[in-house]
N, C-alpha and C. Protein backbone atom coordinates (compact mmCIF):
# COMPACT_ATOMS: atom_id res chain seq x y z
N MET A 1 21.99 -6.08 -7.24
CA MET A 1 20.86 -6.42 -6.40
C MET A 1 21.25 -7.55 -5.45
N ASN A 2 20.91 -7.45 -4.20
CA ASN A 2 21.25 -8.47 -3.21
C ASN A 2 20.32 -9.66 -3.32
N LYS A 3 20.90 -10.83 -3.31
CA LYS A 3 20.10 -12.05 -3.34
C LYS A 3 19.77 -12.46 -1.91
N VAL A 4 18.60 -13.05 -1.76
CA VAL A 4 18.18 -13.54 -0.45
C VAL A 4 18.85 -14.90 -0.24
N THR A 5 19.49 -15.06 0.91
CA THR A 5 20.19 -16.31 1.20
C THR A 5 19.20 -17.37 1.64
N LYS A 6 19.65 -18.61 1.62
CA LYS A 6 18.80 -19.72 2.06
C LYS A 6 18.37 -19.57 3.52
N PRO A 7 19.29 -19.19 4.44
CA PRO A 7 18.86 -18.97 5.82
C PRO A 7 17.82 -17.85 5.96
N GLN A 8 17.98 -16.79 5.16
CA GLN A 8 16.99 -15.71 5.21
C GLN A 8 15.62 -16.18 4.72
N THR A 9 15.64 -16.96 3.66
CA THR A 9 14.38 -17.51 3.13
C THR A 9 13.71 -18.40 4.16
N GLU A 10 14.50 -19.21 4.84
CA GLU A 10 13.96 -20.11 5.87
C GLU A 10 13.38 -19.30 7.03
N GLU A 11 14.08 -18.24 7.45
CA GLU A 11 13.58 -17.42 8.55
C GLU A 11 12.27 -16.73 8.16
N ARG A 12 12.20 -16.23 6.94
CA ARG A 12 10.96 -15.60 6.47
C ARG A 12 9.80 -16.60 6.48
N ARG A 13 10.07 -17.82 6.02
CA ARG A 13 9.04 -18.85 6.01
C ARG A 13 8.57 -19.16 7.43
N ARG A 14 9.54 -19.28 8.34
CA ARG A 14 9.22 -19.59 9.74
C ARG A 14 8.39 -18.48 10.37
N LEU A 15 8.79 -17.23 10.11
CA LEU A 15 8.03 -16.10 10.66
C LEU A 15 6.63 -16.02 10.06
N ALA A 16 6.51 -16.31 8.78
CA ALA A 16 5.20 -16.25 8.12
C ALA A 16 4.23 -17.28 8.70
N GLU A 17 4.76 -18.38 9.20
CA GLU A 17 3.92 -19.43 9.77
C GLU A 17 3.43 -19.10 11.18
N GLN A 18 4.10 -18.16 11.86
CA GLN A 18 3.74 -17.82 13.24
C GLN A 18 2.55 -16.86 13.25
N PRO A 19 1.72 -16.96 14.29
CA PRO A 19 0.70 -15.93 14.43
C PRO A 19 1.38 -14.59 14.75
N GLU A 20 0.80 -13.51 14.31
CA GLU A 20 1.42 -12.20 14.48
C GLU A 20 1.73 -11.88 15.94
N ALA A 21 0.86 -12.31 16.84
CA ALA A 21 1.06 -12.01 18.27
C ALA A 21 2.30 -12.72 18.83
N ALA A 22 2.76 -13.77 18.18
CA ALA A 22 3.91 -14.52 18.68
C ALA A 22 5.24 -13.91 18.26
N ILE A 23 5.23 -12.94 17.36
CA ILE A 23 6.47 -12.34 16.88
C ILE A 23 6.86 -11.20 17.81
N GLU A 24 8.08 -11.27 18.34
CA GLU A 24 8.58 -10.28 19.29
C GLU A 24 8.94 -8.98 18.56
N THR A 25 8.28 -7.90 18.88
CA THR A 25 8.55 -6.61 18.23
C THR A 25 8.84 -5.49 19.23
N SER A 26 9.06 -5.84 20.49
CA SER A 26 9.23 -4.81 21.52
C SER A 26 10.49 -3.97 21.30
N ASP A 27 11.48 -4.51 20.56
CA ASP A 27 12.70 -3.75 20.34
C ASP A 27 12.61 -2.82 19.11
N LEU A 28 11.48 -2.85 18.42
CA LEU A 28 11.30 -1.97 17.27
C LEU A 28 10.68 -0.65 17.71
N PRO A 29 11.22 0.47 17.23
CA PRO A 29 10.64 1.76 17.62
C PRO A 29 9.28 1.96 16.93
N GLU A 30 8.36 2.57 17.66
CA GLU A 30 7.05 2.86 17.10
C GLU A 30 7.16 4.10 16.22
N VAL A 31 6.61 4.02 15.01
CA VAL A 31 6.64 5.16 14.09
C VAL A 31 5.43 6.03 14.40
N THR A 32 5.70 7.29 14.75
CA THR A 32 4.61 8.22 15.04
C THR A 32 4.58 9.41 14.09
N ASP A 33 5.66 9.61 13.33
CA ASP A 33 5.72 10.74 12.40
C ASP A 33 5.64 10.19 10.97
N TRP A 34 4.51 10.42 10.33
CA TRP A 34 4.28 9.92 8.98
C TRP A 34 4.30 11.05 7.95
N THR A 35 4.90 12.21 8.28
CA THR A 35 4.86 13.36 7.38
C THR A 35 5.58 13.09 6.06
N GLY A 36 6.59 12.24 6.04
CA GLY A 36 7.32 11.95 4.80
C GLY A 36 6.80 10.74 4.05
N ALA A 37 5.73 10.14 4.54
CA ALA A 37 5.20 8.93 3.91
C ALA A 37 4.55 9.24 2.57
N GLU A 38 4.63 8.28 1.66
CA GLU A 38 4.00 8.41 0.35
C GLU A 38 3.01 7.26 0.17
N ARG A 39 1.76 7.61 -0.03
CA ARG A 39 0.73 6.59 -0.23
C ARG A 39 0.93 5.92 -1.59
N GLY A 40 0.95 4.60 -1.58
CA GLY A 40 1.03 3.84 -2.82
C GLY A 40 2.41 3.75 -3.45
N ARG A 41 3.44 4.17 -2.76
CA ARG A 41 4.79 4.18 -3.35
C ARG A 41 5.23 2.78 -3.79
N PHE A 42 4.92 1.77 -3.03
CA PHE A 42 5.36 0.42 -3.35
C PHE A 42 4.22 -0.45 -3.89
N TYR A 43 3.08 0.16 -4.15
CA TYR A 43 1.94 -0.58 -4.67
C TYR A 43 2.14 -0.87 -6.16
N ARG A 44 2.04 -2.10 -6.54
CA ARG A 44 2.14 -2.49 -7.94
C ARG A 44 0.90 -3.32 -8.28
N PRO A 45 -0.08 -2.70 -8.95
CA PRO A 45 -1.28 -3.46 -9.28
C PRO A 45 -0.96 -4.59 -10.26
N ILE A 46 -1.76 -5.63 -10.20
CA ILE A 46 -1.60 -6.75 -11.11
C ILE A 46 -2.01 -6.30 -12.50
N LYS A 47 -1.18 -6.57 -13.47
CA LYS A 47 -1.48 -6.21 -14.86
C LYS A 47 -2.15 -7.40 -15.55
N GLN A 48 -3.02 -7.07 -16.49
CA GLN A 48 -3.68 -8.10 -17.26
C GLN A 48 -3.56 -7.72 -18.73
N GLN A 49 -3.06 -8.64 -19.53
CA GLN A 49 -2.90 -8.36 -20.95
C GLN A 49 -4.25 -8.52 -21.63
N VAL A 50 -4.61 -7.52 -22.44
CA VAL A 50 -5.87 -7.54 -23.18
C VAL A 50 -5.64 -7.02 -24.59
N THR A 51 -6.60 -7.28 -25.45
CA THR A 51 -6.62 -6.66 -26.76
C THR A 51 -7.67 -5.57 -26.70
N LEU A 52 -7.29 -4.36 -27.10
CA LEU A 52 -8.17 -3.21 -26.98
C LEU A 52 -8.11 -2.42 -28.27
N ARG A 53 -9.25 -2.09 -28.82
CA ARG A 53 -9.28 -1.30 -30.05
C ARG A 53 -9.42 0.17 -29.67
N ILE A 54 -8.44 0.96 -30.12
CA ILE A 54 -8.39 2.39 -29.83
C ILE A 54 -8.31 3.12 -31.17
N ASP A 55 -8.99 4.25 -31.27
CA ASP A 55 -8.92 5.03 -32.50
C ASP A 55 -7.46 5.34 -32.83
N ALA A 56 -7.12 5.26 -34.12
CA ALA A 56 -5.74 5.43 -34.56
C ALA A 56 -5.15 6.78 -34.14
N ASP A 57 -5.95 7.84 -34.20
CA ASP A 57 -5.42 9.15 -33.83
C ASP A 57 -5.13 9.25 -32.33
N VAL A 58 -5.95 8.57 -31.53
CA VAL A 58 -5.71 8.56 -30.07
C VAL A 58 -4.41 7.83 -29.77
N LEU A 59 -4.23 6.66 -30.38
CA LEU A 59 -3.01 5.89 -30.18
C LEU A 59 -1.79 6.67 -30.67
N ALA A 60 -1.91 7.32 -31.82
CA ALA A 60 -0.80 8.11 -32.36
C ALA A 60 -0.43 9.24 -31.41
N TRP A 61 -1.42 9.85 -30.78
CA TRP A 61 -1.17 10.95 -29.84
C TRP A 61 -0.33 10.46 -28.66
N PHE A 62 -0.70 9.31 -28.09
CA PHE A 62 0.06 8.77 -26.97
C PHE A 62 1.46 8.33 -27.41
N LYS A 63 1.57 7.67 -28.57
CA LYS A 63 2.88 7.21 -29.05
C LYS A 63 3.80 8.38 -29.38
N ALA A 64 3.24 9.48 -29.85
CA ALA A 64 4.06 10.65 -30.23
C ALA A 64 4.75 11.27 -29.03
N ARG A 65 4.30 10.95 -27.84
CA ARG A 65 4.88 11.52 -26.64
C ARG A 65 5.97 10.64 -26.04
N GLY A 66 6.42 9.64 -26.80
CA GLY A 66 7.57 8.83 -26.38
C GLY A 66 7.20 7.43 -25.94
N ASP A 67 8.24 6.77 -25.43
CA ASP A 67 8.08 5.40 -24.94
C ASP A 67 7.09 5.34 -23.78
N LYS A 68 6.70 4.16 -23.43
CA LYS A 68 5.78 3.89 -22.32
C LYS A 68 4.40 4.49 -22.57
N TYR A 69 3.98 4.47 -23.82
CA TYR A 69 2.66 5.00 -24.14
C TYR A 69 1.55 4.19 -23.48
N GLN A 70 1.77 2.88 -23.31
CA GLN A 70 0.76 2.06 -22.66
C GLN A 70 0.59 2.47 -21.20
N THR A 71 1.68 2.83 -20.55
CA THR A 71 1.63 3.30 -19.17
C THR A 71 0.83 4.60 -19.09
N ARG A 72 1.04 5.49 -20.05
CA ARG A 72 0.30 6.75 -20.06
C ARG A 72 -1.18 6.54 -20.35
N ILE A 73 -1.50 5.60 -21.25
CA ILE A 73 -2.91 5.28 -21.50
C ILE A 73 -3.55 4.74 -20.23
N ASN A 74 -2.84 3.86 -19.53
CA ASN A 74 -3.36 3.30 -18.27
C ASN A 74 -3.58 4.41 -17.25
N ALA A 75 -2.64 5.36 -17.15
CA ALA A 75 -2.78 6.47 -16.20
C ALA A 75 -3.97 7.34 -16.56
N ALA A 76 -4.20 7.57 -17.86
CA ALA A 76 -5.34 8.37 -18.29
C ALA A 76 -6.65 7.67 -17.94
N LEU A 77 -6.71 6.37 -18.12
CA LEU A 77 -7.91 5.61 -17.76
C LEU A 77 -8.14 5.61 -16.25
N ARG A 78 -7.05 5.49 -15.49
CA ARG A 78 -7.16 5.51 -14.03
C ARG A 78 -7.67 6.87 -13.55
N GLU A 79 -7.17 7.95 -14.16
CA GLU A 79 -7.62 9.30 -13.80
C GLU A 79 -9.12 9.45 -14.11
N TYR A 80 -9.54 8.92 -15.23
CA TYR A 80 -10.95 8.97 -15.60
C TYR A 80 -11.80 8.25 -14.53
N ILE A 81 -11.35 7.08 -14.13
CA ILE A 81 -12.08 6.31 -13.10
C ILE A 81 -12.18 7.10 -11.80
N GLU A 82 -11.07 7.73 -11.39
CA GLU A 82 -11.06 8.50 -10.14
C GLU A 82 -12.03 9.67 -10.19
N HIS A 83 -12.20 10.29 -11.35
CA HIS A 83 -13.07 11.45 -11.46
C HIS A 83 -14.53 11.08 -11.75
N HIS A 84 -14.75 9.89 -12.26
CA HIS A 84 -16.10 9.50 -12.64
C HIS A 84 -16.61 8.28 -11.87
N GLY A 85 -15.80 7.79 -10.92
CA GLY A 85 -16.10 6.70 -10.03
C GLY A 85 -17.21 5.86 -10.43
C-alpha cells in the first residue's frame, strides 16, 4: 500500500482550505459516460457496536454459512429496511 508523503498531505490540506471555485479544474476532462459506474462502491457506512439478542437457531443458521455471519445479518436487516421502509 502506498503511503501518503508529507508534501502530499500538505497539498491536500491546502486544497481543502480553498473554496471550490478557486481550484483550477479546466485541464480535467468532463465525465459524460457513466455506464460503468457502480452506485455505493466506495461507500462505507459507520458501524456501531451493540449488544443484540437473537434467537439461537437464527444465529446458528447464519454461522453455519461460514465466516462473516455478522455481515450477512447486517445485509439481511438492510434488505428488510429497503423492502419495508
